[in-house]
N, C-alpha and C. Protein backbone atom coordinates (compact mmCIF):
# COMPACT_ATOMS: atom_id res chain seq x y z
N UNK A 1 4.13 28.27 4.32
CA UNK A 1 3.50 28.00 3.04
C UNK A 1 3.69 26.51 2.70
N UNK A 2 2.63 25.85 2.28
CA UNK A 2 2.67 24.45 1.93
C UNK A 2 2.73 24.32 0.42
N UNK A 3 3.69 23.53 -0.05
CA UNK A 3 3.82 23.34 -1.50
C UNK A 3 2.63 22.57 -2.05
N UNK A 4 2.28 22.86 -3.28
CA UNK A 4 1.21 22.12 -3.95
C UNK A 4 1.66 20.67 -4.12
N UNK A 5 0.78 19.73 -3.85
CA UNK A 5 1.12 18.32 -3.96
C UNK A 5 1.67 17.74 -2.68
N UNK A 6 1.93 18.59 -1.70
CA UNK A 6 2.49 18.12 -0.43
C UNK A 6 1.59 17.08 0.23
N UNK A 7 0.30 17.37 0.27
CA UNK A 7 -0.63 16.45 0.91
C UNK A 7 -0.67 15.11 0.18
N UNK A 8 -0.63 15.15 -1.15
CA UNK A 8 -0.67 13.91 -1.91
C UNK A 8 0.56 13.04 -1.63
N UNK A 9 1.71 13.66 -1.51
CA UNK A 9 2.93 12.88 -1.30
C UNK A 9 3.01 12.33 0.13
N UNK A 10 2.20 12.85 1.02
CA UNK A 10 2.20 12.36 2.40
C UNK A 10 0.91 11.63 2.74
N UNK A 11 0.20 11.22 1.73
CA UNK A 11 -1.04 10.46 1.90
C UNK A 11 -0.71 9.08 2.44
N UNK A 12 -1.58 8.55 3.25
CA UNK A 12 -1.41 7.21 3.79
C UNK A 12 -1.38 6.21 2.64
N UNK A 13 -0.27 5.51 2.42
CA UNK A 13 -0.17 4.58 1.29
C UNK A 13 -1.08 3.36 1.45
N UNK A 14 -1.62 3.15 2.63
CA UNK A 14 -2.47 1.99 2.88
C UNK A 14 -3.95 2.36 2.98
N UNK A 15 -4.28 3.61 2.66
CA UNK A 15 -5.67 4.07 2.79
C UNK A 15 -6.63 3.27 1.92
N UNK A 16 -6.18 2.77 0.78
CA UNK A 16 -7.07 2.05 -0.14
C UNK A 16 -6.98 0.53 0.01
N UNK A 17 -6.25 0.04 1.00
CA UNK A 17 -6.08 -1.40 1.19
C UNK A 17 -7.33 -1.97 1.85
N UNK A 18 -7.83 -3.06 1.27
CA UNK A 18 -8.98 -3.75 1.84
C UNK A 18 -8.50 -5.06 2.44
N UNK A 19 -8.84 -5.29 3.68
CA UNK A 19 -8.45 -6.52 4.37
C UNK A 19 -9.60 -7.51 4.28
N UNK A 20 -9.27 -8.72 3.84
CA UNK A 20 -10.27 -9.77 3.73
C UNK A 20 -9.90 -10.89 4.70
N UNK A 21 -10.81 -11.24 5.55
CA UNK A 21 -10.59 -12.33 6.49
C UNK A 21 -11.04 -13.63 5.83
N UNK A 22 -10.20 -14.64 5.87
CA UNK A 22 -10.51 -15.92 5.26
C UNK A 22 -11.00 -16.91 6.30
N UNK A 23 -12.02 -17.67 5.92
CA UNK A 23 -12.44 -18.77 6.76
C UNK A 23 -11.67 -20.02 6.31
N UNK A 24 -11.93 -21.15 6.94
CA UNK A 24 -11.20 -22.37 6.60
C UNK A 24 -11.37 -22.75 5.14
N UNK A 25 -12.57 -22.55 4.60
CA UNK A 25 -12.80 -22.87 3.19
C UNK A 25 -11.98 -21.98 2.27
N UNK A 26 -11.86 -20.70 2.62
CA UNK A 26 -11.06 -19.78 1.83
C UNK A 26 -9.58 -20.14 1.85
N UNK A 27 -9.09 -20.51 3.02
CA UNK A 27 -7.69 -20.94 3.14
C UNK A 27 -7.46 -22.19 2.31
N UNK A 28 -8.39 -23.13 2.39
CA UNK A 28 -8.26 -24.37 1.62
C UNK A 28 -8.21 -24.08 0.12
N UNK A 29 -9.07 -23.17 -0.33
CA UNK A 29 -9.10 -22.83 -1.75
C UNK A 29 -7.79 -22.18 -2.20
N UNK A 30 -7.27 -21.27 -1.41
CA UNK A 30 -6.01 -20.60 -1.76
C UNK A 30 -4.85 -21.59 -1.78
N UNK A 31 -4.76 -22.44 -0.77
CA UNK A 31 -3.64 -23.38 -0.73
C UNK A 31 -3.76 -24.44 -1.83
N UNK A 32 -4.97 -24.92 -2.08
CA UNK A 32 -5.17 -25.88 -3.18
C UNK A 32 -4.78 -25.28 -4.52
N UNK A 33 -5.19 -24.04 -4.75
CA UNK A 33 -4.87 -23.38 -6.02
C UNK A 33 -3.36 -23.18 -6.17
N UNK A 34 -2.70 -22.76 -5.10
CA UNK A 34 -1.25 -22.55 -5.17
C UNK A 34 -0.52 -23.87 -5.46
N UNK A 35 -0.94 -24.94 -4.79
CA UNK A 35 -0.30 -26.24 -5.02
C UNK A 35 -0.58 -26.75 -6.43
N UNK A 36 -1.79 -26.53 -6.91
CA UNK A 36 -2.13 -26.96 -8.27
C UNK A 36 -1.29 -26.21 -9.30
N UNK A 37 -1.12 -24.92 -9.11
CA UNK A 37 -0.29 -24.13 -10.03
C UNK A 37 1.17 -24.59 -9.99
N UNK A 38 1.63 -24.96 -8.80
CA UNK A 38 3.02 -25.43 -8.64
C UNK A 38 3.20 -26.85 -9.16
N UNK A 39 2.09 -27.58 -9.27
CA UNK A 39 2.16 -28.96 -9.77
C UNK A 39 2.74 -29.93 -8.77
N UNK A 40 2.48 -29.69 -7.48
CA UNK A 40 3.00 -30.60 -6.46
C UNK A 40 2.07 -30.65 -5.27
N UNK A 41 2.33 -31.60 -4.40
CA UNK A 41 1.58 -31.72 -3.16
C UNK A 41 2.25 -30.87 -2.09
N UNK A 42 1.58 -30.71 -0.96
CA UNK A 42 2.15 -29.98 0.16
C UNK A 42 3.42 -30.65 0.65
N UNK A 43 3.41 -31.97 0.72
CA UNK A 43 4.59 -32.71 1.17
C UNK A 43 5.76 -32.51 0.20
N UNK A 44 5.49 -32.56 -1.09
CA UNK A 44 6.54 -32.34 -2.10
C UNK A 44 7.09 -30.91 -2.02
N UNK A 45 6.20 -29.95 -1.81
CA UNK A 45 6.64 -28.56 -1.72
C UNK A 45 7.51 -28.35 -0.48
N UNK A 46 7.15 -29.00 0.62
CA UNK A 46 7.97 -28.92 1.83
C UNK A 46 9.37 -29.49 1.58
N UNK A 47 9.45 -30.59 0.84
CA UNK A 47 10.74 -31.21 0.54
C UNK A 47 11.59 -30.27 -0.32
N UNK A 48 10.95 -29.60 -1.27
CA UNK A 48 11.69 -28.64 -2.10
C UNK A 48 12.23 -27.49 -1.25
N UNK A 49 11.40 -27.00 -0.34
CA UNK A 49 11.83 -25.90 0.52
C UNK A 49 12.97 -26.33 1.44
N UNK A 50 12.86 -27.52 1.98
CA UNK A 50 13.90 -28.03 2.87
C UNK A 50 15.24 -28.16 2.14
N UNK A 51 15.16 -28.60 0.87
CA UNK A 51 16.37 -28.75 0.06
C UNK A 51 16.88 -27.40 -0.46
N UNK A 52 16.02 -26.39 -0.41
CA UNK A 52 16.40 -25.08 -0.93
C UNK A 52 16.42 -25.04 -2.44
N UNK A 53 15.75 -26.00 -3.07
CA UNK A 53 15.69 -26.08 -4.53
C UNK A 53 14.25 -26.32 -4.96
N UNK A 54 13.67 -25.32 -5.58
CA UNK A 54 12.31 -25.43 -6.07
C UNK A 54 12.33 -25.81 -7.55
N UNK A 55 11.32 -26.55 -7.97
CA UNK A 55 11.28 -27.02 -9.35
C UNK A 55 10.95 -25.91 -10.33
N UNK A 56 10.41 -24.81 -9.82
CA UNK A 56 10.07 -23.68 -10.69
C UNK A 56 9.89 -22.42 -9.84
N UNK A 57 9.81 -21.31 -10.54
CA UNK A 57 9.54 -20.04 -9.87
C UNK A 57 8.13 -20.08 -9.25
N UNK A 58 7.21 -20.74 -9.92
CA UNK A 58 5.84 -20.86 -9.41
C UNK A 58 5.83 -21.67 -8.11
N UNK A 59 6.61 -22.74 -8.06
CA UNK A 59 6.70 -23.54 -6.83
C UNK A 59 7.28 -22.71 -5.69
N UNK A 60 8.26 -21.89 -6.00
CA UNK A 60 8.86 -21.02 -4.99
C UNK A 60 7.83 -20.03 -4.46
N UNK A 61 7.07 -19.41 -5.35
CA UNK A 61 6.01 -18.49 -4.94
C UNK A 61 4.93 -19.21 -4.14
N UNK A 62 4.59 -20.43 -4.58
CA UNK A 62 3.57 -21.21 -3.88
C UNK A 62 4.00 -21.50 -2.45
N UNK A 63 5.29 -21.71 -2.24
CA UNK A 63 5.81 -21.96 -0.90
C UNK A 63 5.45 -20.82 0.04
N UNK A 64 5.63 -19.59 -0.43
CA UNK A 64 5.34 -18.44 0.42
C UNK A 64 3.85 -18.31 0.71
N UNK A 65 3.03 -18.66 -0.26
CA UNK A 65 1.58 -18.62 -0.04
C UNK A 65 1.15 -19.72 0.93
N UNK A 66 1.50 -20.95 0.60
CA UNK A 66 1.00 -22.09 1.37
C UNK A 66 1.60 -22.12 2.77
N UNK A 67 2.88 -21.85 2.91
CA UNK A 67 3.50 -21.92 4.23
C UNK A 67 3.00 -20.82 5.16
N UNK A 68 2.39 -19.79 4.61
CA UNK A 68 1.79 -18.74 5.43
C UNK A 68 0.57 -19.27 6.18
N UNK A 69 -0.14 -20.21 5.55
CA UNK A 69 -1.39 -20.70 6.11
C UNK A 69 -1.30 -22.08 6.75
N UNK A 70 -0.37 -22.90 6.36
CA UNK A 70 -0.32 -24.28 6.83
C UNK A 70 0.93 -24.57 7.64
N UNK A 71 0.80 -25.49 8.56
CA UNK A 71 1.92 -26.00 9.33
C UNK A 71 2.46 -27.24 8.60
N UNK A 72 3.73 -27.58 8.78
CA UNK A 72 4.28 -28.75 8.11
C UNK A 72 3.51 -30.04 8.37
N UNK A 73 2.88 -30.15 9.52
CA UNK A 73 2.18 -31.39 9.85
C UNK A 73 0.75 -31.44 9.32
N UNK A 74 0.26 -30.35 8.72
CA UNK A 74 -1.11 -30.34 8.20
C UNK A 74 -1.26 -31.37 7.09
N UNK A 75 -2.26 -32.24 7.20
CA UNK A 75 -2.43 -33.32 6.21
C UNK A 75 -3.19 -32.84 4.97
N UNK A 76 -2.62 -31.88 4.27
CA UNK A 76 -3.26 -31.36 3.06
C UNK A 76 -2.86 -32.20 1.87
N UNK A 77 -3.81 -32.58 1.09
CA UNK A 77 -3.52 -33.22 -0.17
C UNK A 77 -4.15 -32.38 -1.25
N UNK A 78 -3.38 -32.01 -2.20
CA UNK A 78 -3.87 -31.13 -3.25
C UNK A 78 -4.55 -31.94 -4.35
N UNK A 79 -5.47 -31.28 -5.02
CA UNK A 79 -6.13 -31.89 -6.16
C UNK A 79 -5.40 -31.49 -7.43
N UNK A 80 -4.08 -31.46 -7.37
CA UNK A 80 -3.31 -31.03 -8.53
C UNK A 80 -3.01 -32.21 -9.45
N UNK A 81 -2.30 -31.89 -10.49
CA UNK A 81 -1.91 -32.88 -11.50
C UNK A 81 -3.13 -33.56 -12.12
N UNK A 82 -4.16 -32.75 -12.37
CA UNK A 82 -5.33 -33.25 -13.07
C UNK A 82 -6.25 -34.11 -12.26
N UNK A 83 -6.03 -34.21 -10.95
CA UNK A 83 -6.90 -35.07 -10.15
C UNK A 83 -8.10 -34.31 -9.63
């Protein structure tokens, strides 16, 4: 005998996940937005990560976003700080 709700509790937790593939423009948009929210450039964010001290919680979160897509040598310049 199967208990009521058994199927629901064993449902694939990823069944509703949608995967979106990003092109270069999408990656650029995500990384630019993360850097703008953090208020720093890619080079400044790398320095914060290397020191283990981020200027804010947002900068810390931005590190995880941006470092997922970019290599340290990528010459990204953000349009942050009102530029």
